[in-house]
N, C-alpha and C. Protein backbone atom coordinates (compact mmCIF):
# COMPACT_ATOMS: atom_id res chain seq x y z
N UNK A 1 0.76 -1.09 -0.09
CA UNK A 1 0.10 -0.01 -0.05
C UNK A 1 1.01 1.32 -0.04
N UNK A 2 0.59 2.22 -0.88
CA UNK A 2 1.29 3.09 -1.23
C UNK A 2 0.94 4.41 -0.48
N UNK A 3 1.50 5.38 0.06
CA UNK A 3 0.92 6.54 0.88
C UNK A 3 0.98 8.09 -0.02
N UNK A 4 1.70 7.80 -1.11
CA UNK A 4 2.34 8.64 -1.68
C UNK A 4 3.17 9.96 -1.52
N UNK A 5 3.98 9.34 -0.34
CA UNK A 5 5.14 10.29 0.45
C UNK A 5 6.24 9.53 0.01
N UNK A 6 7.14 10.24 -0.45
CA UNK A 6 8.42 9.23 -1.08
C UNK A 6 9.34 9.54 0.59
N UNK A 7 9.68 8.21 0.89
CA UNK A 7 10.50 8.02 1.70
C UNK A 7 11.77 8.19 2.02
N UNK A 8 12.46 8.85 0.66
CA UNK A 8 13.89 9.47 0.87
C UNK A 8 14.01 10.47 -0.33
N UNK A 9 14.83 11.41 0.02
CA UNK A 9 14.96 12.50 -0.89
C UNK A 9 15.41 12.21 -2.37
N UNK A 10 15.38 13.22 -3.05
CA UNK A 10 15.68 12.75 -4.45
C UNK A 10 17.25 12.22 -4.56
N UNK A 11 18.17 12.92 -3.73
CA UNK A 11 19.61 12.59 -3.94
C UNK A 11 19.88 11.12 -3.33
N UNK A 12 18.88 10.71 -2.53
CA UNK A 12 19.10 9.32 -2.11
C UNK A 12 18.94 8.56 -2.97
N UNK A 13 17.78 9.01 -3.70
CA UNK A 13 16.82 8.00 -4.68
C UNK A 13 18.21 7.83 -6.27
N UNK A 14 18.59 9.04 -6.34
CA UNK A 14 19.40 8.75 -7.37
C UNK A 14 20.99 8.10 -6.80
N UNK A 15 21.35 8.22 -5.94
CA UNK A 15 22.62 7.62 -5.05
C UNK A 15 22.04 5.85 -5.25
N UNK A 16 21.12 5.84 -5.01
CA UNK A 16 20.78 4.14 -4.76
C UNK A 16 20.59 3.67 -6.36
N UNK A 17 20.09 4.39 -7.08
CA UNK A 17 19.51 3.89 -8.31
C UNK A 17 21.09 3.87 -9.24
N UNK A 18 21.82 4.71 -8.98
CA UNK A 18 23.33 4.48 -9.35
C UNK A 18 23.86 3.02 -8.99
N UNK A 19 24.04 2.93 -7.87
CA UNK A 19 24.69 1.88 -7.11
C UNK A 19 23.79 0.75 -7.73
N UNK A 20 22.63 0.84 -7.64
CA UNK A 20 21.85 -0.47 -8.30
C UNK A 20 22.37 -0.84 -9.36
N UNK A 21 22.88 -0.69 -10.49
CA UNK A 21 23.44 -1.19 -11.60
C UNK A 21 24.59 -1.72 -11.34
N UNK A 22 25.24 -1.56 -10.12
CA UNK A 22 26.94 -2.02 -9.86
C UNK A 22 26.60 -3.18 -9.34
N UNK A 23 27.68 -4.55 -9.49
CA UNK A 23 27.26 -5.51 -8.76
C UNK A 23 27.88 -5.24 -7.27
N UNK A 24 27.47 -6.31 -6.35
CA UNK A 24 27.32 -6.24 -4.94
C UNK A 24 28.48 -5.81 -4.14
N UNK A 25 29.51 -6.32 -4.82
CA UNK A 25 31.05 -6.02 -4.11
C UNK A 25 31.60 -4.65 -4.05
N UNK A 26 31.07 -4.39 -5.34
CA UNK A 26 31.33 -2.72 -5.79
C UNK A 26 30.71 -1.74 -5.03
N UNK A 27 29.41 -2.31 -4.82
CA UNK A 27 28.35 -1.25 -3.88
C UNK A 27 28.78 -1.35 -2.53
N UNK A 28 29.29 -2.59 -1.86
CA UNK A 28 29.96 -2.62 -0.42
C UNK A 28 31.06 -1.90 -0.50
N UNK A 29 32.23 -2.04 -1.26
CA UNK A 29 33.21 -1.23 -1.28
C UNK A 29 33.14 0.00 -1.51
N UNK A 30 32.20 0.55 -2.33
CA UNK A 30 31.87 2.15 -2.42
C UNK A 30 31.22 2.58 -1.20
N UNK A 31 30.28 2.08 -0.58
CA UNK A 31 29.88 2.42 0.80
C UNK A 31 30.88 2.62 1.68
N UNK A 32 31.70 1.73 1.71
CA UNK A 32 32.70 1.38 2.83
C UNK A 32 33.69 2.71 2.45
N UNK A 33 34.05 2.99 1.34
CA UNK A 33 34.89 4.05 1.29
C UNK A 33 34.04 5.49 1.56
N UNK A 34 33.04 5.30 1.18
CA UNK A 34 32.31 6.87 1.77
C UNK A 34 32.30 6.92 3.13
N UNK A 35 31.92 6.09 3.95
CA UNK A 35 32.04 5.88 5.47
C UNK A 35 33.58 5.95 6.17
N UNK A 36 34.61 5.71 5.35
CA UNK A 36 35.65 5.76 5.89
C UNK A 36 36.25 7.10 5.55
N UNK A 37 35.80 7.74 4.34
CA UNK A 37 36.06 9.20 4.28
C UNK A 37 35.27 10.01 5.19
N UNK A 38 33.98 9.95 5.60
CA UNK A 38 33.67 10.78 6.46
C UNK A 38 34.04 10.52 7.86
N UNK A 39 34.64 9.17 8.12
CA UNK A 39 35.25 9.15 9.71
C UNK A 39 36.28 9.69 9.34
N UNK A 40 37.47 9.64 8.62
CA UNK A 40 38.57 10.26 8.42
C UNK A 40 38.22 11.91 8.56
N UNK A 41 37.19 12.56 7.80
CA UNK A 41 37.04 13.94 8.01
C UNK A 41 36.57 14.05 9.43
N UNK A 42 35.79 13.32 10.31
CA UNK A 42 35.84 13.78 11.43
C UNK A 42 36.69 13.93 12.41
N UNK A 43 37.63 12.78 12.01
CA UNK A 43 38.74 12.55 12.80
C UNK A 43 39.69 13.81 12.78
N UNK A 44 39.99 14.30 11.46
CA UNK A 44 40.65 15.44 11.25
C UNK A 44 40.24 16.49 12.04
N UNK A 45 39.05 17.12 12.00
CA UNK A 45 38.42 18.13 12.41
C UNK A 45 38.68 17.77 14.05
N UNK A 46 38.44 17.04 14.59
CA UNK A 46 38.89 16.86 16.03
C UNK A 46 40.07 17.15 16.35
N UNK A 47 41.02 16.33 15.43
CA UNK A 47 42.07 16.66 15.55
C UNK A 47 42.55 17.90 15.55
N UNK A 48 42.32 18.84 14.85
CA UNK A 48 42.67 20.28 14.71
C UNK A 48 42.19 20.98 15.78
N UNK A 49 40.69 20.71 16.16
CA UNK A 49 40.19 21.40 17.44
C UNK A 49 41.25 21.32 18.66
N UNK A 50 41.73 20.06 18.49
CA UNK A 50 42.14 19.48 19.65
C UNK A 50 43.57 20.55 19.79
N UNK A 51 44.17 20.52 18.68
CA UNK A 51 45.43 21.26 18.60
C UNK A 51 45.23 22.50 18.88
N UNK A 52 44.35 23.35 18.06
CA UNK A 52 43.89 24.87 18.61
C UNK A 52 43.68 24.90 19.77
N UNK A 53 42.83 24.23 20.66
CA UNK A 53 42.85 24.41 21.84
C UNK A 53 44.01 24.19 22.85
N UNK A 54 44.94 23.20 22.27
CA UNK A 54 46.13 23.33 23.12
C UNK A 54 47.25 24.06 23.17
N UNK A 55 47.37 24.91 21.42
CA UNK A 55 48.18 26.04 21.25
C UNK A 55 47.53 27.44 21.97
N UNK A 56 46.16 27.54 21.91
CA UNK A 56 45.40 28.44 22.66
C UNK A 56 46.30 28.52 24.20
N UNK A 57 45.86 27.35 24.93
CA UNK A 57 46.38 27.68 26.42
C UNK A 57 47.81 27.49 26.58
N UNK A 58 48.78 27.46 25.74
CA UNK A 58 50.26 27.29 25.78
C UNK A 58 50.78 28.83 25.25
N UNK A 59 49.83 29.77 24.72
CA UNK A 59 50.08 30.88 24.17
C UNK A 59 50.73 30.81 23.11
N UNK A 60 51.17 29.87 21.97
CA UNK A 60 51.20 29.80 20.80
C UNK A 60 50.43 30.58 19.92
N UNK A 61 51.28 31.16 18.66
CA UNK A 61 50.24 31.83 17.96
C UNK A 61 49.41 30.81 16.94
N UNK A 62 48.06 31.38 17.25
CA UNK A 62 47.15 30.42 16.37
C UNK A 62 46.69 31.31 15.01
N UNK A 63 46.53 30.28 13.84
CA UNK A 63 46.13 30.51 12.55
C UNK A 63 44.33 31.29 12.95
N UNK A 64 43.98 32.34 12.69
CA UNK A 64 42.53 32.59 12.71
C UNK A 64 42.12 33.07 11.68
N UNK A 65 41.07 33.46 11.16
CA UNK A 65 40.57 34.15 10.25
C UNK A 65 40.83 35.82 10.39
N UNK A 66 40.61 36.23 9.32
CA UNK A 66 41.17 37.45 9.08
C UNK A 66 40.22 38.36 9.98
N UNK A 67 40.69 39.41 10.96
CA UNK A 67 39.75 40.15 11.56
C UNK A 67 39.23 41.81 10.58
N UNK A 68 38.64 42.19 11.37
CA UNK A 68 38.35 43.57 10.70
C UNK A 68 39.47 44.42 10.86
N UNK A 69 39.52 45.07 9.45
CA UNK A 69 40.67 45.87 9.30
C UNK A 69 41.93 45.64 9.42
N UNK A 70 42.40 44.00 9.43
CA UNK A 70 43.33 43.40 9.34
C UNK A 70 44.07 43.56 7.91
N UNK A 71 43.51 43.72 6.96
CA UNK A 71 44.27 43.97 5.70
C UNK A 71 43.65 42.83 4.54
N UNK A 72 43.90 42.89 3.43
CA UNK A 72 43.40 42.05 2.60
C UNK A 72 44.66 41.59 1.63
N UNK A 73 44.75 40.32 0.86
CA UNK A 73 45.76 40.00 0.09
C UNK A 73 46.03 41.30 -0.96
N UNK A 74 44.75 42.01 -1.55
CA UNK A 74 45.23 43.28 -2.37
C UNK A 74 46.29 44.46 -1.78
N UNK A 75 46.29 44.49 -0.31
CA UNK A 75 47.08 45.36 0.16
C UNK A 75 48.64 44.97 0.04
N UNK A 76 48.74 43.69 -0.15
CA UNK A 76 50.06 43.23 -0.36
C UNK A 76 50.84 42.90 -1.70
N UNK A 77 50.03 43.76 -2.84
CA UNK A 77 50.39 43.18 -4.18
C UNK A 77 51.17 44.53 -4.57
N UNK A 78 51.35 45.58 -4.01
CA UNK A 78 52.44 46.58 -4.10
C UNK A 78 51.67 47.33 -5.83
N UNK A 79 52.81 47.47 -6.60
CA UNK A 79 52.94 48.08 -7.88
C UNK A 79 51.67 47.60 -8.64
N UNK A 80 51.33 46.11 -8.46
CA UNK A 80 50.12 45.56 -9.25
C UNK A 80 48.89 45.54 -8.51
N UNK A 81 48.83 46.20 -7.50
CA UNK A 81 47.41 46.13 -7.03
C UNK A 81 46.57 47.60 -7.87
N UNK A 82 45.13 47.28 -7.54
CA UNK A 82 44.54 48.09 -8.61
C UNK A 82 44.44 49.42 -7.50
N UNK A 83 44.26 50.67 -8.43
CA UNK A 83 44.33 51.83 -7.81
C UNK A 83 43.30 51.98 -6.59
N UNK A 84 43.57 52.43 -5.33
CA UNK A 84 42.57 52.63 -4.37
C UNK A 84 41.61 54.21 -4.70
N UNK A 85 40.64 53.94 -4.54
CA UNK A 85 39.73 55.38 -4.59
C UNK A 85 39.90 56.38 -3.51
N UNK A 86 40.06 57.48 -3.84
CA UNK A 86 40.72 58.58 -2.45
C UNK A 86 39.60 58.59 -1.68
N UNK A 87 40.31 58.33 -0.39
CA UNK A 87 39.83 58.51 1.12
C UNK A 87 38.87 59.83 1.39
N UNK A 88 37.97 59.87 1.96
CA UNK A 88 37.48 61.38 2.24
C UNK A 88 37.83 61.60 3.82
N UNK A 89 38.12 62.73 4.23
CA UNK A 89 38.79 63.63 5.32
C UNK A 89 38.16 62.70 6.43
N UNK A 90 39.04 62.25 7.44
CA UNK A 90 38.38 61.75 8.75
C UNK A 90 37.36 62.68 9.29
N UNK A 91 36.17 62.64 9.91
CA UNK A 91 35.39 63.56 10.33
C UNK A 91 35.71 63.65 11.83
N UNK A 92 35.71 64.63 12.61
CA UNK A 92 36.03 64.94 14.14
C UNK A 92 34.91 64.33 14.68
N UNK A 93 35.28 63.72 15.71
CA UNK A 93 34.41 62.96 16.61
C UNK A 93 33.79 63.80 17.52
N UNK A 94 32.39 64.10 17.67
CA UNK A 94 31.88 65.24 18.66
C UNK A 94 31.65 64.24 19.59
N UNK A 95 31.37 65.06 20.96
CA UNK A 95 31.21 64.49 21.95
C UNK A 95 29.73 64.99 22.65
N UNK A 96 29.31 64.11 23.52
CA UNK A 96 28.13 65.03 24.27
C UNK A 96 27.83 66.40 24.59
N UNK A 97 29.13 66.73 24.96
CA UNK A 97 29.21 68.00 25.34
C UNK A 97 28.98 69.44 24.52
N UNK A 98 29.42 68.79 23.30
CA UNK A 98 29.26 69.68 21.90
C UNK A 98 27.84 70.17 21.62
N UNK A 99 26.62 69.65 22.10
CA UNK A 99 25.31 69.67 22.17
C UNK A 99 24.81 70.25 23.55
N UNK A 100 25.64 70.38 24.51
CA UNK A 100 25.01 71.13 25.90
C UNK A 100 24.74 72.50 25.79
N UNK A 101 25.34 73.26 24.71
CA UNK A 101 25.15 74.54 24.80
C UNK A 101 25.74 75.34 25.86
N UNK A 102 24.78 76.01 26.57
CA UNK A 102 25.22 77.06 27.53
C UNK A 102 25.57 76.08 29.04
N UNK A 103 24.99 74.88 28.92
CA UNK A 103 25.22 74.11 30.10
C UNK A 103 26.89 73.24 30.03
N UNK A 104 27.40 73.39 28.90
CA UNK A 104 28.53 72.95 28.37
C UNK A 104 29.62 73.39 29.43
N UNK A 105 30.38 72.29 30.09
CA UNK A 105 31.88 72.86 30.89
C UNK A 105 32.91 73.58 30.08
N UNK A 106 33.40 74.50 30.67
CA UNK A 106 33.99 75.77 30.19
C UNK A 106 35.25 74.85 29.60
N UNK A 107 35.49 75.03 28.21
CA UNK A 107 36.91 74.56 27.82
C UNK A 107 37.91 74.97 27.79
N UNK A 108 38.86 74.61 28.47
CA UNK A 108 40.36 75.20 28.72
C UNK A 108 41.00 75.13 27.25
N UNK A 109 41.88 76.41 27.72
CA UNK A 109 42.77 76.46 26.33
C UNK A 109 44.21 75.78 26.58
N UNK A 110 44.67 75.90 25.26
CA UNK A 110 45.79 74.96 25.08
C UNK A 110 46.96 75.42 25.94
N UNK A 111 46.84 77.01 26.37
CA UNK A 111 48.09 77.17 27.40
C UNK A 111 47.84 77.20 29.13
N UNK A 112 46.86 76.34 29.02
CA UNK A 112 46.55 75.98 30.72
C UNK A 112 45.72 76.80 31.13
N UNK A 113 45.36 78.01 30.93
CA UNK A 113 44.43 78.96 31.74
C UNK A 113 43.34 78.61 31.28
N UNK A 114 42.27 79.08 32.24
CA UNK A 114 40.79 78.90 32.16
C UNK A 114 40.15 79.97 31.43
């Protein structure tokens, strides 16, 4: 009796149909290699995670992803880098005291007098 609901996804059905044409010993070998590849991937992932934790604990330099403002590969191309667009002048940051008006504390001059 069919319910009309597929029991497996289309990727699984394609995989099973491709393996269905192969002899049994090839099917078992292919499935064994896939399982071995997954286990090797997990092992390497856990091994790298343990090595990373040990390096962090011992204070050794750790390879990490690029941080914001760290630079890009294009920053090291020298004369081969694409020209950079002109940067606007930096805007002086304003503080809350700039908006206090008459209630703002008096500013001292550069010579130290009030």
